Amino acid sequence: MIRIAFPLAAVAALALSACSDGPDTVEGSDETDLDNVDTVSEAEAEKEALPADDFADLELGAKIDGPQGTEVKTTLSNQAGNFADITSYVSCPDGLDPCDPREAPEGTVFTYVHVVYPGEDMDPTTGAGEGVSSSDVERATMFRMTRPARGFTGKAGFSKGEVEAAIGTKADVVITCNDGALVWTVSAGDGGDQWQAREPITFWWQSTLPPVGPADAYEIEVDGTLASGNGPYPGKSDSAAQGCAG
């Protein structure tokens, strides 16, 4: 089921538009479809979706320097080949530099960031490198975790600017929870382009737990095909949330 996550102000705008024959956007507003709920079904779905915040609004500190450095650069693949490049990292809050989980204050929130390129990122030094990849991707529709979001704080989102650059202002990005794991569904909405090859979108989520290392915990859906790969993943803790709820 597709669920749309938008500000509550957009729901109010929907209620007003239902009483008129005009367009269902607020007159004089600069809001795009990323900010608006356009149908009654979307308004109902919005009640169950997770809030989505813009990556541009985050204030992040230094990145954790893990076994593979400050960034994990790899591919999302299956037996048929590579279907996306992904660059992931985990940051401490602004002001913490260096970002060392062993020395971080109690209550530190860690931000997990994943920059996903359907097909490939066209950089021979990262991701698929110079090997064979599916660079002719026509439509990517979902990025998700395949394991529970341990320590999830309730905060997650994406880069609104990158979504608009890749898909256009009609784009719909929905964050939901499936068996404790976060799911970002990406759609062209009521028109516009698709999320295609070499168009990066940054997804993020926050946890009270630092990563224990890369794990096979992330997946993309491309042209109806699922492909998975590694990324930073939190360790276990009985005192932290065992995943998202929804």
C-alpha atoms as a PDB file:
ATOM      1  CA  MET A   1       0.000   0.000   0.000  1.00  0.00           C
ATOM      2  CA  ILE A   2       1.376   3.399  -0.946  1.00  0.00           C
ATOM      3  CA  ARG A   3       1.346   5.944   1.837  1.00  0.00           C
ATOM      4  CA  ILE A   4       2.131   9.605   1.301  1.00  0.00           C
ATOM      5  CA  ALA A   5       4.075  11.545   3.943  1.00  0.00           C
ATOM      6  CA  PHE A   6       3.510  15.292   3.826  1.00  0.00           C
ATOM      7  CA  PRO A   7       3.090  18.189   6.275  1.00  0.00           C
ATOM      8  CA  LEU A   8      -0.271  18.441   8.043  1.00  0.00           C
ATOM      9  CA  ALA A   9      -0.775  21.881   6.501  1.00  0.00           C
ATOM     10  CA  ALA A  10      -1.240  20.164   3.179  1.00  0.00           C
ATOM     11  CA  VAL A  11      -4.143  18.155   4.586  1.00  0.00           C
ATOM     12  CA  ALA A  12      -5.868  21.388   5.558  1.00  0.00           C
ATOM     13  CA  ALA A  13      -5.322  22.688   2.043  1.00  0.00           C
ATOM     14  CA  LEU A  14      -6.975  19.554   0.707  1.00  0.00           C
ATOM     15  CA  ALA A  15     -10.043  20.106   2.857  1.00  0.00           C
ATOM     16  CA  LEU A  16     -10.447  23.646   1.530  1.00  0.00           C
ATOM     17  CA  SER A  17     -10.018  22.550  -2.080  1.00  0.00           C
ATOM     18  CA  ALA A  18     -12.775  19.947  -1.696  1.00  0.00           C
ATOM     19  CA  CYS A  19     -15.278  22.787  -1.380  1.00  0.00           C
ATOM     20  CA  SER A  20     -14.355  24.418  -4.680  1.00  0.00           C
ATOM     21  CA  ASP A  21     -13.931  23.599  -8.340  1.00  0.00           C
ATOM     22  CA  GLY A  22     -10.470  25.125  -8.497  1.00  0.00           C
ATOM     23  CA  PRO A  23      -7.095  23.457  -8.393  1.00  0.00           C
ATOM     24  CA  ASP A  24      -6.181  21.568  -5.237  1.00  0.00           C
ATOM     25  CA  THR A  25      -3.159  23.698  -4.435  1.00  0.00           C
ATOM     26  CA  VAL A  26      -3.149  26.816  -2.303  1.00  0.00           C
ATOM     27  CA  GLU A  27      -3.429  29.935  -4.441  1.00  0.00           C
ATOM     28  CA  GLY A  28      -0.250  31.975  -4.344  1.00  0.00           C
ATOM     29  CA  SER A  29       1.730  29.136  -2.782  1.00  0.00           C
ATOM     30  CA  ASP A  30       5.118  27.956  -4.021  1.00  0.00           C
ATOM     31  CA  GLU A  31       4.528  24.465  -2.633  1.00  0.00           C
ATOM     32  CA  THR A  32       5.188  21.520  -4.952  1.00  0.00           C
ATOM     33  CA  ASP A  33       3.545  18.123  -4.925  1.00  0.00           C
ATOM     34  CA  LEU A  34       6.218  17.054  -2.445  1.00  0.00           C
ATOM     35  CA  ASP A  35       4.412  19.316   0.037  1.00  0.00           C
ATOM     36  CA  ASN A  36       0.808  18.649  -0.906  1.00  0.00           C
ATOM     37  CA  VAL A  37      -1.741  15.868  -0.489  1.00  0.00           C
ATOM     38  CA  ASP A  38      -3.828  15.899  -3.664  1.00  0.00           C
ATOM     39  CA  THR A  39      -6.535  13.263  -3.159  1.00  0.00           C
ATOM     40  CA  VAL A  40      -8.745  11.935  -0.384  1.00  0.00           C
ATOM     41  CA  SER A  41      -7.034   8.542  -0.599  1.00  0.00           C
ATOM     42  CA  GLU A  42      -3.661  10.241  -0.173  1.00  0.00           C
ATOM     43  CA  ALA A  43      -5.004  12.122   2.844  1.00  0.00           C
ATOM     44  CA  GLU A  44      -6.118   8.849   4.431  1.00  0.00           C
ATOM     45  CA  ALA A  45      -2.794   7.195   3.646  1.00  0.00           C
ATOM     46  CA  GLU A  46      -0.923  10.182   5.069  1.00  0.00           C
ATOM     47  CA  LYS A  47      -2.244   9.324   8.511  1.00  0.00           C
ATOM     48  CA  GLU A  48      -0.172   6.123   8.587  1.00  0.00           C
ATOM     49  CA  ALA A  49       2.983   7.358   6.850  1.00  0.00           C
ATOM     50  CA  LEU A  50       6.119   8.410   8.704  1.00  0.00           C
ATOM     51  CA  PRO A  51       7.102  12.098   8.714  1.00  0.00           C
ATOM     52  CA  ALA A  52       9.732  12.994   6.118  1.00  0.00           C
ATOM     53  CA  ASP A  53      12.310  15.733   6.694  1.00  0.00           C
ATOM     54  CA  ASP A  54      14.589  17.350   4.115  1.00  0.00           C
ATOM     55  CA  PHE A  55      18.238  16.299   4.147  1.00  0.00           C
ATOM     56  CA  ALA A  56      19.192  19.926   3.461  1.00  0.00           C
ATOM     57  CA  ASP A  57      17.854  20.920   6.885  1.00  0.00           C
ATOM     58  CA  LEU A  58      20.152  18.595   8.831  1.00  0.00           C
ATOM     59  CA  GLU A  59      23.172  19.930  10.694  1.00  0.00           C
ATOM     60  CA  LEU A  60      25.674  17.087  10.736  1.00  0.00           C
ATOM     61  CA  GLY A  61      29.082  16.725  12.324  1.00  0.00           C
ATOM     62  CA  ALA A  62      31.985  14.509  11.361  1.00  0.00           C
ATOM     63  CA  LYS A  63      31.578  11.070   9.815  1.00  0.00           C
ATOM     64  CA  ILE A  64      32.471   7.858  11.615  1.00  0.00           C
ATOM     65  CA  ASP A  65      35.741   6.405  10.349  1.00  0.00           C
ATOM     66  CA  GLY A  66      34.910   2.700  10.074  1.00  0.00           C
ATOM     67  CA  PRO A  67      36.552  -0.432   8.620  1.00  0.00           C
ATOM     68  CA  GLN A  68      36.130   0.931   5.076  1.00  0.00           C
ATOM     69  CA  GLY A  69      36.904   4.550   5.901  1.00  0.00           C
ATOM     70  CA  THR A  70      34.392   7.351   6.364  1.00  0.00           C
ATOM     71  CA  GLU A  71      32.222   6.151   3.458  1.00  0.00           C
ATOM     72  CA  VAL A  72      31.068   2.731   2.266  1.00  0.00           C
ATOM     73  CA  LYS A  73      30.935   2.725  -1.544  1.00  0.00           C
ATOM     74  CA  THR A  74      29.497  -0.367  -3.184  1.00  0.00           C
ATOM     75  CA  THR A  75      26.751  -1.703  -5.455  1.00  0.00           C
ATOM     76  CA  LEU A  76      23.214  -3.000  -5.066  1.00  0.00           C
ATOM     77  CA  SER A  77      23.099  -6.194  -7.093  1.00  0.00           C
ATOM     78  CA  ASN A  78      21.599  -9.631  -7.652  1.00  0.00           C
ATOM     79  CA  GLN A  79      22.604 -12.698  -9.674  1.00  0.00           C
ATOM     80  CA  ALA A  80      21.824 -10.868 -12.915  1.00  0.00           C
ATOM     81  CA  GLY A  81      24.263  -8.030 -12.222  1.00  0.00           C
ATOM     82  CA  ASN A  82      24.616  -4.581 -10.665  1.00  0.00           C
ATOM     83  CA  PHE A  83      21.571  -2.324 -10.592  1.00  0.00           C
ATOM     84  CA  ALA A  84      22.714   0.664  -8.522  1.00  0.00           C
ATOM     85  CA  ASP A  85      25.727   2.274  -6.890  1.00  0.00           C
ATOM     86  CA  ILE A  86      25.408   3.391  -3.283  1.00  0.00           C
ATOM     87  CA  THR A  87      27.570   5.572  -1.048  1.00  0.00           C
ATOM     88  CA  SER A  88      26.767   5.391   2.673  1.00  0.00           C
ATOM     89  CA  TYR A  89      28.130   7.013   5.815  1.00  0.00           C
ATOM     90  CA  VAL A  90      27.163   7.725   9.413  1.00  0.00           C
ATOM     91  CA  SER A  91      27.534  11.174  10.990  1.00  0.00           C
ATOM     92  CA  CYS A  92      27.540  12.468  14.529  1.00  0.00           C
ATOM     93  CA  PRO A  93      25.590  15.624  15.422  1.00  0.00           C
ATOM     94  CA  ASP A  94      27.047  18.988  14.503  1.00  0.00           C
ATOM     95  CA  GLY A  95      29.959  19.885  16.761  1.00  0.00           C
ATOM     96  CA  LEU A  96      31.272  16.356  17.315  1.00  0.00           C
ATOM     97  CA  ASP A  97      34.599  16.052  15.526  1.00  0.00           C
ATOM     98  CA  PRO A  98      36.031  13.490  15.399  1.00  0.00           C
ATOM     99  CA  CYS A  99      32.991  11.231  15.439  1.00  0.00           C
ATOM    100  CA  ASP A 100      34.066   8.329  17.651  1.00  0.00           C
ATOM    101  CA  PRO A 101      31.131   6.309  19.059  1.00  0.00           C
ATOM    102  CA  ARG A 102      33.347   5.107  21.925  1.00  0.00           C
ATOM    103  CA  GLU A 103      33.796   8.681  23.135  1.00  0.00           C
ATOM    104  CA  ALA A 104      30.450  10.164  22.087  1.00  0.00           C
ATOM    105  CA  PRO A 105      28.259  11.464  24.933  1.00  0.00           C
ATOM    106  CA  GLU A 106      25.381   9.331  26.149  1.00  0.00           C
ATOM    107  CA  GLY A 107      22.273  10.004  24.082  1.00  0.00           C
ATOM    108  CA  THR A 108      24.178  10.823  20.884  1.00  0.00           C
ATOM    109  CA  VAL A 109      22.038  10.415  17.771  1.00  0.00           C
ATOM    110  CA  PHE A 110      23.736   8.974  14.700  1.00  0.00           C
ATOM    111  CA  THR A 111      22.546   9.873  11.196  1.00  0.00           C
ATOM    112  CA  TYR A 112      22.736   7.101   8.586  1.00  0.00           C
ATOM    113  CA  VAL A 113      23.018   8.541   5.069  1.00  0.00           C
ATOM    114  CA  HIS A 114      22.663   6.629   1.784  1.00  0.00           C
ATOM    115  CA  VAL A 115      23.260   8.248  -1.621  1.00  0.00           C
ATOM    116  CA  VAL A 116      21.741   5.943  -4.234  1.00  0.00           C
ATOM    117  CA  TYR A 117      22.485   6.075  -7.970  1.00  0.00           C
ATOM    118  CA  PRO A 118      20.249   3.788 -10.083  1.00  0.00           C
ATOM    119  CA  GLY A 119      22.417   2.053 -12.653  1.00  0.00           C
ATOM    120  CA  GLU A 120      25.742   3.587 -11.641  1.00  0.00           C
ATOM    121  CA  ASP A 121      27.386   6.791 -10.474  1.00  0.00           C
ATOM    122  CA  MET A 122      29.718   6.901 -13.525  1.00  0.00           C
ATOM    123  CA  ASP A 123      32.756   7.076 -11.238  1.00  0.00           C
ATOM    124  CA  PRO A 124      35.299   4.344 -12.113  1.00  0.00           C
ATOM    125  CA  THR A 125      36.761   4.504  -8.596  1.00  0.00           C
ATOM    126  CA  THR A 126      33.512   3.757  -6.704  1.00  0.00           C
ATOM    127  CA  GLY A 127      30.501   1.460  -6.778  1.00  0.00           C
ATOM    128  CA  ALA A 128      30.599  -0.852  -9.776  1.00  0.00           C
ATOM    129  CA  GLY A 129      33.857   0.740 -10.887  1.00  0.00           C
ATOM    130  CA  GLU A 130      34.768  -0.152 -14.444  1.00  0.00           C
ATOM    131  CA  GLY A 131      32.828  -3.428 -14.377  1.00  0.00           C
ATOM    132  CA  VAL A 132      29.511  -4.247 -16.031  1.00  0.00           C
ATOM    133  CA  SER A 133      26.507  -2.398 -14.601  1.00  0.00           C
ATOM    134  CA  SER A 134      22.909  -1.726 -15.563  1.00  0.00           C
ATOM    135  CA  SER A 135      23.390   1.906 -16.549  1.00  0.00           C
ATOM    136  CA  ASP A 136      20.263   1.912 -18.746  1.00  0.00           C
ATOM    137  CA  VAL A 137      17.845   1.848 -15.798  1.00  0.00           C
ATOM    138  CA  GLU A 138      14.516   3.353 -16.841  1.00  0.00           C
ATOM    139  CA  ARG A 139      12.691   3.464 -13.522  1.00  0.00           C
ATOM    140  CA  ALA A 140      13.683   3.015  -9.891  1.00  0.00           C
ATOM    141  CA  THR A 141      10.714   2.962  -7.530  1.00  0.00           C
ATOM    142  CA  MET A 142      11.912   2.023  -4.054  1.00  0.00           C
ATOM    143  CA  PHE A 143      14.849   2.071  -1.648  1.00  0.00           C
ATOM    144  CA  ARG A 144      14.494   0.179   1.603  1.00  0.00           C
ATOM    145  CA  MET A 145      16.131  -1.557   4.512  1.00  0.00           C
ATOM    146  CA  THR A 146      15.962  -5.341   4.598  1.00  0.00           C
ATOM    147  CA  ARG A 147      16.631  -5.469   8.339  1.00  0.00           C
ATOM    148  CA  PRO A 148      14.949  -3.634  11.228  1.00  0.00           C
ATOM    149  CA  ALA A 149      16.030  -0.031  11.813  1.00  0.00           C
ATOM    150  CA  ARG A 150      17.612  -0.652  15.213  1.00  0.00           C
ATOM    151  CA  GLY A 151      17.593   2.307  17.565  1.00  0.00           C
ATOM    152  CA  PHE A 152      15.284   4.289  15.253  1.00  0.00           C
ATOM    153  CA  THR A 153      14.449   7.707  16.702  1.00  0.00           C
ATOM    154  CA  GLY A 154      11.445   8.390  14.467  1.00  0.00           C
ATOM    155  CA  LYS A 155      13.427  10.763  12.246  1.00  0.00           C
ATOM    156  CA  ALA A 156      13.980   9.974   8.555  1.00  0.00           C
ATOM    157  CA  GLY A 157      13.826  11.705   5.204  1.00  0.00           C
ATOM    158  CA  PHE A 158      15.436  12.379   1.865  1.00  0.00           C
ATOM    159  CA  SER A 159      16.927  15.181  -0.228  1.00  0.00           C
ATOM    160  CA  LYS A 160      13.989  17.129  -1.587  1.00  0.00           C
ATOM    161  CA  GLY A 161      16.245  19.048  -3.983  1.00  0.00           C
ATOM    162  CA  GLU A 162      17.643  15.851  -5.489  1.00  0.00           C
ATOM    163  CA  VAL A 163      14.161  14.372  -5.860  1.00  0.00           C
ATOM    164  CA  GLU A 164      12.940  17.439  -7.722  1.00  0.00           C
ATOM    165  CA  ALA A 165      16.058  17.458  -9.925  1.00  0.00           C
ATOM    166  CA  ALA A 166      15.631  13.788 -10.808  1.00  0.00           C
ATOM    167  CA  ILE A 167      11.863  13.493 -11.107  1.00  0.00           C
ATOM    168  CA  GLY A 168      10.315  16.948 -11.049  1.00  0.00           C
ATOM    169  CA  THR A 169       7.923  18.793  -8.781  1.00  0.00           C
ATOM    170  CA  LYS A 170       5.203  16.151  -9.215  1.00  0.00           C
ATOM    171  CA  ALA A 171       7.295  13.564  -7.375  1.00  0.00           C
ATOM    172  CA  ASP A 172       5.854  11.626  -4.447  1.00  0.00           C
ATOM    173  CA  VAL A 173       8.242  10.162  -1.873  1.00  0.00           C
ATOM    174  CA  VAL A 174       6.670   8.056   0.859  1.00  0.00           C
ATOM    175  CA  ILE A 175       8.324   6.680   3.983  1.00  0.00           C
ATOM    176  CA  THR A 176       6.669   3.682   5.622  1.00  0.00           C
ATOM    177  CA  CYS A 177       7.635   0.918   8.014  1.00  0.00           C
ATOM    178  CA  ASN A 178       7.543  -2.787   7.128  1.00  0.00           C
ATOM    179  CA  ASP A 179       8.364  -5.318   9.860  1.00  0.00           C
ATOM    180  CA  GLY A 180      10.572  -2.788  11.616  1.00  0.00           C
ATOM    181  CA  ALA A 181      12.432  -1.756   8.456  1.00  0.00           C
ATOM    182  CA  LEU A 182      12.190   1.628   6.715  1.00  0.00           C
ATOM    183  CA  VAL A 183      10.883   1.845   3.142  1.00  0.00           C
ATOM    184  CA  TRP A 184      11.163   4.878   0.838  1.00  0.00           C
ATOM    185  CA  THR A 185       8.753   4.610  -2.126  1.00  0.00           C
ATOM    186  CA  VAL A 186       9.538   6.934  -5.040  1.00  0.00           C
ATOM    187  CA  SER A 187       6.940   7.828  -7.657  1.00  0.00           C
ATOM    188  CA  ALA A 188       6.590  10.358 -10.453  1.00  0.00           C
ATOM    189  CA  GLY A 189       3.197  11.247  -9.026  1.00  0.00           C
ATOM    190  CA  ASP A 190       0.718  12.848 -11.413  1.00  0.00           C
ATOM    191  CA  GLY A 191       3.228  13.217 -14.209  1.00  0.00           C
ATOM    192  CA  GLY A 192       6.842  14.170 -14.676  1.00  0.00           C
ATOM    193  CA  ASP A 193      10.000  12.172 -15.147  1.00  0.00           C
ATOM    194  CA  GLN A 194      11.039   8.907 -13.494  1.00  0.00           C
ATOM    195  CA  TRP A 195      13.923   8.205 -11.121  1.00  0.00           C
ATOM    196  CA  GLN A 196      16.416   6.953 -13.688  1.00  0.00           C
ATOM    197  CA  ALA A 197      20.061   5.985 -14.163  1.00  0.00           C
ATOM    198  CA  ARG A 198      22.779   8.238 -12.734  1.00  0.00           C
ATOM    199  CA  GLU A 199      20.274  10.414 -10.833  1.00  0.00           C
ATOM    200  CA  PRO A 200      21.364  10.439  -7.167  1.00  0.00           C
ATOM    201  CA  ILE A 201      18.879  10.672  -4.328  1.00  0.00           C
ATOM    202  CA  THR A 202      20.027  10.886  -0.713  1.00  0.00           C
ATOM    203  CA  PHE A 203      18.012   8.989   1.903  1.00  0.00           C
ATOM    204  CA  TRP A 204      18.656   9.224   5.643  1.00  0.00           C
ATOM    205  CA  TRP A 205      17.463   8.005   9.025  1.00  0.00           C
ATOM    206  CA  GLN A 206      18.568   8.449  12.628  1.00  0.00           C
ATOM    207  CA  SER A 207      19.412   5.938  15.336  1.00  0.00           C
ATOM    208  CA  THR A 208      20.588   5.994  18.926  1.00  0.00           C
ATOM    209  CA  LEU A 209      22.987   3.170  18.007  1.00  0.00           C
ATOM    210  CA  PRO A 210      26.283   3.464  16.111  1.00  0.00           C
ATOM    211  CA  PRO A 211      27.126   1.058  13.289  1.00  0.00           C
ATOM    212  CA  VAL A 212      28.997  -2.184  13.942  1.00  0.00           C
ATOM    213  CA  GLY A 213      30.171  -2.351  10.338  1.00  0.00           C
ATOM    214  CA  PRO A 214      28.734  -2.871   6.855  1.00  0.00           C
ATOM    215  CA  ALA A 215      25.889  -5.388   6.550  1.00  0.00           C
ATOM    216  CA  ASP A 216      23.715  -6.646   3.707  1.00  0.00           C
ATOM    217  CA  ALA A 217      20.774  -4.528   4.822  1.00  0.00           C
ATOM    218  CA  TYR A 218      19.727  -2.297   1.911  1.00  0.00           C
ATOM    219  CA  GLU A 219      17.788  -2.869  -1.299  1.00  0.00           C
ATOM    220  CA  ILE A 220      16.534  -1.056  -4.391  1.00  0.00           C
ATOM    221  CA  GLU A 221      13.721  -1.889  -6.791  1.00  0.00           C
ATOM    222  CA  VAL A 222      14.696  -1.090 -10.383  1.00  0.00           C
ATOM    223  CA  ASP A 223      12.492  -1.856 -13.395  1.00  0.00           C
ATOM    224  CA  GLY A 224      10.632  -4.423 -11.288  1.00  0.00           C
ATOM    225  CA  THR A 225      13.857  -6.113 -10.116  1.00  0.00           C
ATOM    226  CA  LEU A 226      15.194  -6.190  -6.549  1.00  0.00           C
ATOM    227  CA  ALA A 227      18.911  -5.737  -5.886  1.00  0.00           C
ATOM    228  CA  SER A 228      20.619  -5.564  -2.492  1.00  0.00           C
ATOM    229  CA  GLY A 229      23.948  -4.672  -0.936  1.00  0.00           C
ATOM    230  CA  ASN A 230      25.951  -3.544   2.061  1.00  0.00           C
ATOM    231  CA  GLY A 231      25.799  -0.393   4.109  1.00  0.00           C
ATOM    232  CA  PRO A 232      26.452   0.747   7.696  1.00  0.00           C
ATOM    233  CA  TYR A 233      24.128  -1.017  10.122  1.00  0.00           C
ATOM    234  CA  PRO A 234      23.593  -0.625  13.903  1.00  0.00           C
ATOM    235  CA  GLY A 235      24.502  -3.252  16.450  1.00  0.00           C
ATOM    236  CA  LYS A 236      22.103  -4.867  18.913  1.00  0.00           C
ATOM    237  CA  SER A 237      20.932  -3.250  22.127  1.00  0.00           C
ATOM    238  CA  ASP A 238      18.193  -4.432  24.464  1.00  0.00           C
ATOM    239  CA  SER A 239      17.638  -0.864  25.671  1.00  0.00           C
ATOM    240  CA  ALA A 240      17.082   0.661  22.211  1.00  0.00           C
ATOM    241  CA  ALA A 241      14.201   0.451  19.770  1.00  0.00           C
ATOM    242  CA  GLN A 242      14.329  -2.775  17.782  1.00  0.00           C
ATOM    243  CA  GLY A 243      13.049  -1.085  14.633  1.00  0.00           C
ATOM    244  CA  CYS A 244      10.536   1.421  13.339  1.00  0.00           C
ATOM    245  CA  ALA A 245       6.868   1.016  14.197  1.00  0.00           C
ATOM    246  CA  GLY A 246       4.026   1.106  11.726  1.00  0.00           C
END
